[in-house]
Protein backbone atom coordinates (compact mmCIF):
# COMPACT_ATOMS: atom_id res chain seq x y z
CA UNK A 1 0.73 0.53 29.79
CA UNK A 2 1.47 -1.66 26.79
CA UNK A 3 -1.52 -2.43 24.59
CA UNK A 4 -0.07 -5.82 23.55
CA UNK A 5 2.14 -8.34 25.26
CA UNK A 6 4.20 -11.35 24.20
CA UNK A 7 3.78 -12.62 20.65
CA UNK A 8 1.03 -10.12 19.90
CA UNK A 9 3.44 -7.30 20.67
CA UNK A 10 5.98 -8.82 18.27
CA UNK A 11 3.37 -9.19 15.52
CA UNK A 12 2.18 -5.62 15.92
CA UNK A 13 5.71 -4.20 15.98
CA UNK A 14 6.94 -6.17 12.95
CA UNK A 15 3.99 -5.29 10.74
CA UNK A 16 3.93 -1.68 12.01
CA UNK A 17 7.53 -1.23 10.85
CA UNK A 18 6.55 -2.18 7.31
CA UNK A 19 3.40 -0.07 7.25
CA UNK A 20 5.07 3.04 8.67
CA UNK A 21 7.97 2.66 6.25
CA UNK A 22 5.44 2.90 3.40
CA UNK A 23 4.77 6.51 4.35
CA UNK A 24 8.42 7.57 4.63
CA UNK A 25 8.71 8.22 0.91
CA UNK A 26 10.91 11.33 1.25
CA UNK A 27 13.52 9.48 3.31
CA UNK A 28 16.47 7.92 1.49
CA UNK A 29 20.08 6.98 1.97
CA UNK A 30 22.96 5.23 0.27
CA UNK A 31 23.47 1.47 0.32
CA UNK A 32 26.42 0.11 -1.68
CA UNK A 33 26.55 3.54 -3.35
CA UNK A 34 22.97 3.16 -4.57
CA UNK A 35 19.99 5.26 -3.48
CA UNK A 36 17.84 3.25 -1.08
CA UNK A 37 14.53 3.87 0.69
CA UNK A 38 13.48 2.56 4.13
CA UNK A 39 10.68 0.36 2.82
CA UNK A 40 10.32 -3.09 4.36
CA UNK A 41 8.57 -6.28 3.22
CA UNK A 42 7.41 -8.50 6.09
CA UNK A 43 5.59 -11.82 6.44
CA UNK A 44 4.31 -13.09 9.76
CA UNK A 45 3.69 -16.85 9.78
CA UNK A 46 1.80 -18.52 12.63
CA UNK A 47 -1.03 -21.03 13.17
CA UNK A 48 -4.66 -19.88 13.42
CA UNK A 49 -5.73 -18.27 16.72
CA UNK A 50 -2.13 -17.49 17.66
CA UNK A 51 -2.48 -13.72 18.01
CA UNK A 52 -1.37 -12.60 14.56
CA UNK A 53 -4.76 -10.95 14.08
CA UNK A 54 -3.46 -7.87 15.92
CA UNK A 55 -1.90 -6.86 12.62
CA UNK A 56 -5.20 -5.09 11.90
CA UNK A 57 -4.16 -2.47 14.46
CA UNK A 58 -0.84 -2.00 12.68
CA UNK A 59 -2.81 -1.42 9.50
CA UNK A 60 -4.95 1.12 11.31
CA UNK A 61 -1.85 3.30 11.71
CA UNK A 62 -2.09 4.13 8.01
CA UNK A 63 -5.88 4.57 7.85
CA UNK A 64 -5.86 8.33 8.49
CA UNK A 65 -3.28 8.96 5.76
CA UNK A 66 -5.13 6.66 3.34
CA UNK A 67 -8.42 8.49 4.02
CA UNK A 68 -6.67 11.86 3.64
CA UNK A 69 -5.27 10.98 0.20
CA UNK A 70 -8.52 9.32 -0.91
CA UNK A 71 -10.57 12.38 0.12
CA UNK A 72 -8.25 14.71 -1.79
CA UNK A 73 -8.53 12.46 -4.84
CA UNK A 74 -12.34 12.42 -4.73
CA UNK A 75 -12.44 16.21 -4.41
CA UNK A 76 -10.05 16.55 -7.35
CA UNK A 77 -12.21 14.21 -9.47
CA UNK A 78 -15.37 16.22 -8.67
CA UNK A 79 -13.60 19.47 -9.64
CA UNK A 80 -12.28 17.84 -12.83
CA UNK A 81 -15.78 16.72 -13.87
CA UNK A 82 -17.06 20.27 -13.42
CA UNK A 83 -14.23 21.71 -15.51
CA UNK A 84 -14.69 18.99 -18.15
CA UNK A 85 -18.38 19.85 -18.56
CA UNK A 86 -17.52 23.51 -19.07
CA UNK A 87 -14.79 22.55 -21.57
CA UNK A 88 -17.12 20.24 -23.54
CA UNK A 89 -19.73 22.99 -23.69
CA UNK A 90 -17.18 25.48 -25.04
CA UNK A 91 -16.08 22.94 -27.66
CA UNK A 92 -19.67 22.62 -28.87
CA UNK A 93 -20.02 26.38 -29.11
CA UNK A 94 -16.67 26.83 -30.87
CA UNK A 95 -17.07 27.86 -34.48
CA UNK A 96 -13.62 27.01 -35.84
CA UNK A 97 -10.82 24.53 -35.21
CA UNK A 98 -8.67 27.43 -34.04
CA UNK A 99 -11.21 28.26 -31.35
CA UNK A 100 -11.07 24.65 -30.14
CA UNK A 101 -7.27 24.61 -30.14
CA UNK A 102 -7.27 27.77 -28.00
CA UNK A 103 -9.19 25.96 -25.26
CA UNK A 104 -7.29 24.23 -22.45
CA UNK A 105 -8.71 20.79 -21.80
CA UNK A 106 -8.56 19.95 -18.08
CA UNK A 107 -6.23 17.08 -17.15
CA UNK A 108 -7.76 14.15 -15.32
CA UNK A 109 -6.22 14.04 -11.82
CA UNK A 110 -4.29 11.08 -10.46
CA UNK A 111 -6.12 9.14 -7.75
CA UNK A 112 -3.78 8.72 -4.81
CA UNK A 113 -4.21 6.18 -2.01
CA UNK A 114 -1.93 4.71 0.64
CA UNK A 115 -3.15 1.11 0.90
CA UNK A 116 -2.87 -0.66 -2.45
CA UNK A 117 -5.11 -3.77 -2.75
CA UNK A 118 -3.14 -6.99 -3.06
CA UNK A 119 -5.83 -8.91 -4.96
CA UNK A 120 -5.58 -7.07 -8.25
CA UNK A 121 -3.76 -7.15 -11.56
CA UNK A 122 -0.13 -6.34 -12.17
CA UNK A 123 -1.14 -3.45 -14.43
CA UNK A 124 -3.39 -1.93 -11.77
CA UNK A 125 -0.73 -2.28 -9.07
CA UNK A 126 1.68 -0.36 -11.30
CA UNK A 127 -1.02 2.20 -12.13
CA UNK A 128 -1.60 2.85 -8.42
CA UNK A 129 2.15 3.25 -7.92
CA UNK A 130 2.37 5.64 -10.86
CA UNK A 131 -0.43 7.79 -9.44
CA UNK A 132 1.25 7.67 -5.99
CA UNK A 133 4.69 8.63 -7.36
CA UNK A 134 5.85 5.14 -6.33
CA UNK A 135 4.63 5.38 -2.73
CA UNK A 136 2.21 3.08 -0.89
CA UNK A 137 1.70 -0.08 1.12
CA UNK A 138 0.29 -3.49 0.28
CA UNK A 139 -1.14 -4.79 3.56
CA UNK A 140 -3.04 -8.08 3.71
CA UNK A 141 -4.07 -10.02 6.81
CA UNK A 142 -4.40 -13.22 4.76
CA UNK A 143 -1.47 -14.38 2.60
CA UNK A 144 -3.97 -16.10 0.29
CA UNK A 145 -5.01 -12.70 -1.02
CA UNK A 146 -1.56 -12.16 -2.52
CA UNK A 147 -1.17 -15.83 -3.47
CA UNK A 148 -4.37 -15.88 -5.52
CA UNK A 149 -3.30 -12.77 -7.43
CA UNK A 150 0.23 -14.06 -8.06
CA UNK A 151 -1.15 -17.30 -9.54
CA UNK A 152 -3.33 -15.58 -12.11
CA UNK A 153 -1.95 -14.67 -15.50
CA UNK A 154 -3.40 -11.19 -15.20
CA UNK A 155 -2.15 -10.81 -11.66
CA UNK A 156 1.41 -12.10 -11.60
CA UNK A 157 3.26 -9.18 -10.05
CA UNK A 158 6.09 -11.10 -8.43
CA UNK A 159 8.49 -9.06 -10.55
CA UNK A 160 6.88 -5.85 -9.27
CA UNK A 161 7.57 -6.93 -5.69
CA UNK A 162 11.13 -8.00 -6.45
CA UNK A 163 11.96 -4.71 -8.17
CA UNK A 164 10.04 -2.63 -5.65
CA UNK A 165 12.20 -3.30 -2.61
CA UNK A 166 15.34 -2.15 -4.41
CA UNK A 167 13.66 0.89 -5.97
CA UNK A 168 14.29 -0.45 -9.48
CA UNK A 169 12.30 1.16 -12.27
CA UNK A 170 9.01 -0.65 -13.02
CA UNK A 171 7.34 -0.32 -16.39
CA UNK A 172 4.46 -1.86 -18.30
CA UNK A 173 2.84 -1.28 -21.67
CA UNK A 174 -0.52 -2.37 -23.03
CA UNK A 175 -1.09 -3.07 -26.70
CA UNK A 176 -4.80 -2.20 -26.62
CA UNK A 177 -4.34 1.56 -26.32
CA UNK A 178 -0.54 1.73 -26.54
CA UNK A 179 -0.44 2.95 -22.95
CA UNK A 180 2.97 3.02 -21.30
CA UNK A 181 3.31 3.18 -17.52
CA UNK A 182 6.57 3.76 -15.69
CA UNK A 183 7.41 4.07 -12.00
CA UNK A 184 10.98 5.32 -11.83
CA UNK A 185 11.42 5.14 -8.04
CA UNK A 186 9.05 2.66 -6.36
CA UNK A 187 8.91 3.33 -2.62
CA UNK A 188 6.22 0.96 -1.37
CA UNK A 189 6.10 -1.55 1.47
CA UNK A 190 4.42 -4.92 2.02
CA UNK A 191 3.01 -6.38 5.23
CA UNK A 192 1.39 -9.83 5.17
CA UNK A 193 0.28 -12.41 7.70
CA UNK A 194 -0.61 -16.03 7.07
CA UNK A 195 -0.56 -19.60 8.25
CA UNK A 196 2.31 -22.05 7.53
CA UNK A 197 0.41 -23.81 4.74
CA UNK A 198 -0.17 -20.46 2.99
CA UNK A 199 3.55 -19.66 2.84
CA UNK A 200 4.40 -22.44 0.40
CA UNK A 201 1.85 -21.14 -2.08
CA UNK A 202 3.11 -17.59 -1.80
CA UNK A 203 6.85 -18.34 -2.00
CA UNK A 204 7.55 -21.72 -3.56
CA UNK A 205 11.32 -21.78 -3.07
CA UNK A 206 14.03 -20.20 -0.92
CA UNK A 207 15.92 -19.69 -4.18
CA UNK A 208 13.11 -17.51 -5.47
CA UNK A 209 14.21 -13.88 -5.55
CA UNK A 210 10.98 -13.00 -3.80
CA UNK A 211 12.03 -14.94 -0.69
CA UNK A 212 15.11 -12.79 -0.07
CA UNK A 213 13.07 -9.58 -0.27
CA UNK A 214 11.01 -10.39 2.82
CA UNK A 215 11.81 -10.44 6.51
CA UNK A 216 10.07 -13.32 8.28
CA UNK A 217 8.67 -13.66 11.76
CA UNK A 218 7.41 -17.17 12.46
CA UNK A 219 6.28 -18.83 15.66
CA UNK A 220 4.18 -21.66 17.08
CA UNK A 221 2.09 -21.24 20.20
CA UNK A 222 -0.21 -23.51 22.14
CA UNK A 223 -3.90 -22.57 22.02
CA UNK A 224 -4.74 -20.81 25.27
CA UNK A 225 -8.12 -19.55 26.41
CA UNK A 226 -8.22 -15.77 26.53
CA UNK A 227 -10.75 -13.97 28.67
CA UNK A 228 -12.81 -11.46 26.70
CA UNK A 229 -14.01 -9.64 29.81
CA UNK A 230 -13.74 -5.87 29.37
CA UNK A 231 -14.10 -3.34 32.18
CA UNK A 232 -16.69 -0.60 31.63
CA UNK A 233 -14.13 2.22 31.72
CA UNK A 234 -11.70 0.55 29.32
CA UNK A 235 -10.81 2.26 26.04
CA UNK A 236 -11.11 0.13 22.91
CA UNK A 237 -7.95 -0.64 20.96
CA UNK A 238 -9.62 0.84 17.89
CA UNK A 239 -9.98 4.20 19.66
CA UNK A 240 -6.39 4.08 20.90
CA UNK A 241 -5.01 3.49 17.42
CA UNK A 242 -7.27 6.08 15.82
CA UNK A 243 -5.33 8.63 17.87
CA UNK A 244 -1.99 7.08 16.88
CA UNK A 245 -3.08 7.07 13.24
CA UNK A 246 -3.99 10.76 13.33
CA UNK A 247 -0.66 11.73 14.86
CA UNK A 248 1.24 9.62 12.33
CA UNK A 249 -0.85 11.08 9.51
CA UNK A 250 0.43 14.56 10.36
CA UNK A 251 3.99 13.28 9.98
CA UNK A 252 3.26 11.71 6.60
CA UNK A 253 1.44 14.82 5.33
CA UNK A 254 4.40 17.02 6.25
CA UNK A 255 6.66 15.13 3.81
CA UNK A 256 7.93 17.61 1.24
CA UNK A 257 7.49 15.26 -1.74
CA UNK A 258 4.01 14.14 -0.74
CA UNK A 259 1.69 15.63 -3.34
């Protein structure tokens, strides 16, 4: 049987399309003779208590893959720290500069994740994308999270979003340590929900290039009492989508360009 019905089914399906597309980073095609990826940007706009909260189950579809990448990253960091301690010890024991030059300093691993936080700086968004080889998903259940970041001088990543959908190269440099970051093929997706009053703060004009990058699903529904009665033998939605997430995770992990 269907887990959701009516508007809730629409909300789940729309946001799930965006989230799943974030993991299809080895899929591409040609659009107007340009290389294009299947990534989607979606915004679901509806009043409070209208059912858009089911997006959290769409997000759960990517949890297993996110945890998988995060676990690998933590293990790589632990191994790096061990190797770095050994390297530092050998440097101390080295007697000449030639001995030091002969040593191979371990390279700090890139921390990969699937869900990229929306309330962060432009530089950190790009850094996450660089570590992920351009792949990922920005998924926020409250549009204000993105709005607050876009308003801040250190956050403003509207240009990152605009370039991201069309897989245009994204770059950033910092004067403090002369660091240069470049993401040649961004392949990330965005899924956001919010209320009508939040939309104006996120996208101020239909002429804004950001507006045309998103697909919108908007609706108004009358508040209706929903029974919260649950039969003893019922399976929770969380459990149902944990299984879906695991099965989808296997598909994402099998991507040839994944790691």
